[in-house]
């Protein structure tokens, strides 16, 4: 697998998780944390499906 692809996806997943946490803190709602983790996991699955090994 392309190492840059893995790096970019990892950055995107981290950004989504952090954004979910910050939005949840701002809105005082656990829903945004759960949504951020779920979306990051979908990106993780896409990353694994793209793996050509």
C-alpha atoms as a PDB file:
ATOM      1  CA  UNK A   1       0.000   0.000   0.000  1.00  0.00           C
ATOM      2  CA  UNK A   2       1.128   3.534  -0.656  1.00  0.00           C
ATOM      3  CA  UNK A   3       2.527   4.968   2.589  1.00  0.00           C
ATOM      4  CA  UNK A   4       1.265   8.453   1.740  1.00  0.00           C
ATOM      5  CA  UNK A   5      -2.267   7.066   1.309  1.00  0.00           C
ATOM      6  CA  UNK A   6      -2.074   5.532   4.789  1.00  0.00           C
ATOM      7  CA  UNK A   7      -0.681   8.774   6.238  1.00  0.00           C
ATOM      8  CA  UNK A   8      -3.390  10.936   4.684  1.00  0.00           C
ATOM      9  CA  UNK A   9      -6.185   8.626   5.794  1.00  0.00           C
ATOM     10  CA  UNK A  10      -4.741   8.542   9.324  1.00  0.00           C
ATOM     11  CA  UNK A  11      -4.699  12.352   9.420  1.00  0.00           C
ATOM     12  CA  UNK A  12      -8.286  12.489   8.175  1.00  0.00           C
ATOM     13  CA  UNK A  13      -9.426   9.967  10.802  1.00  0.00           C
ATOM     14  CA  UNK A  14      -7.673  11.893  13.575  1.00  0.00           C
ATOM     15  CA  UNK A  15      -9.158  15.188  12.404  1.00  0.00           C
ATOM     16  CA  UNK A  16     -12.660  13.680  12.334  1.00  0.00           C
ATOM     17  CA  UNK A  17     -12.288  12.284  15.863  1.00  0.00           C
ATOM     18  CA  UNK A  18     -10.917  15.563  17.254  1.00  0.00           C
ATOM     19  CA  UNK A  19     -13.604  17.598  15.489  1.00  0.00           C
ATOM     20  CA  UNK A  20     -16.281  15.279  16.899  1.00  0.00           C
ATOM     21  CA  UNK A  21     -14.924  15.777  20.409  1.00  0.00           C
ATOM     22  CA  UNK A  22     -14.714  19.555  20.069  1.00  0.00           C
ATOM     23  CA  UNK A  23     -18.218  19.811  18.631  1.00  0.00           C
ATOM     24  CA  UNK A  24     -19.514  17.567  21.413  1.00  0.00           C
ATOM     25  CA  UNK A  25     -17.895  19.774  24.044  1.00  0.00           C
ATOM     26  CA  UNK A  26     -19.361  22.866  22.461  1.00  0.00           C
ATOM     27  CA  UNK A  27     -22.877  21.373  22.181  1.00  0.00           C
ATOM     28  CA  UNK A  28     -22.668  19.290  25.374  1.00  0.00           C
ATOM     29  CA  UNK A  29     -23.792  16.171  23.493  1.00  0.00           C
ATOM     30  CA  UNK A  30     -22.309  12.663  23.285  1.00  0.00           C
ATOM     31  CA  UNK A  31     -23.907  12.173  19.885  1.00  0.00           C
ATOM     32  CA  UNK A  32     -21.137  14.070  18.089  1.00  0.00           C
ATOM     33  CA  UNK A  33     -18.408  11.961  19.693  1.00  0.00           C
ATOM     34  CA  UNK A  34     -20.161   8.774  18.589  1.00  0.00           C
ATOM     35  CA  UNK A  35     -20.718  10.179  15.106  1.00  0.00           C
ATOM     36  CA  UNK A  36     -17.073  11.249  14.793  1.00  0.00           C
ATOM     37  CA  UNK A  37     -15.808   7.822  15.833  1.00  0.00           C
ATOM     38  CA  UNK A  38     -18.226   6.067  13.474  1.00  0.00           C
ATOM     39  CA  UNK A  39     -17.211   8.192  10.489  1.00  0.00           C
ATOM     40  CA  UNK A  40     -13.511   7.713  11.311  1.00  0.00           C
ATOM     41  CA  UNK A  41     -14.050   3.952  11.408  1.00  0.00           C
ATOM     42  CA  UNK A  42     -15.699   4.060   7.989  1.00  0.00           C
ATOM     43  CA  UNK A  43     -12.558   5.764   6.689  1.00  0.00           C
ATOM     44  CA  UNK A  44     -10.525   3.034   8.417  1.00  0.00           C
ATOM     45  CA  UNK A  45     -12.497   0.348   6.601  1.00  0.00           C
ATOM     46  CA  UNK A  46     -11.977   2.150   3.292  1.00  0.00           C
ATOM     47  CA  UNK A  47      -8.260   2.297   4.063  1.00  0.00           C
ATOM     48  CA  UNK A  48      -8.130  -1.464   4.629  1.00  0.00           C
ATOM     49  CA  UNK A  49     -10.139  -2.205   1.484  1.00  0.00           C
ATOM     50  CA  UNK A  50      -7.718  -0.093  -0.566  1.00  0.00           C
ATOM     51  CA  UNK A  51      -4.747  -2.100   0.822  1.00  0.00           C
ATOM     52  CA  UNK A  52      -3.252  -4.003  -2.117  1.00  0.00           C
ATOM     53  CA  UNK A  53      -1.140  -6.403  -0.058  1.00  0.00           C
END
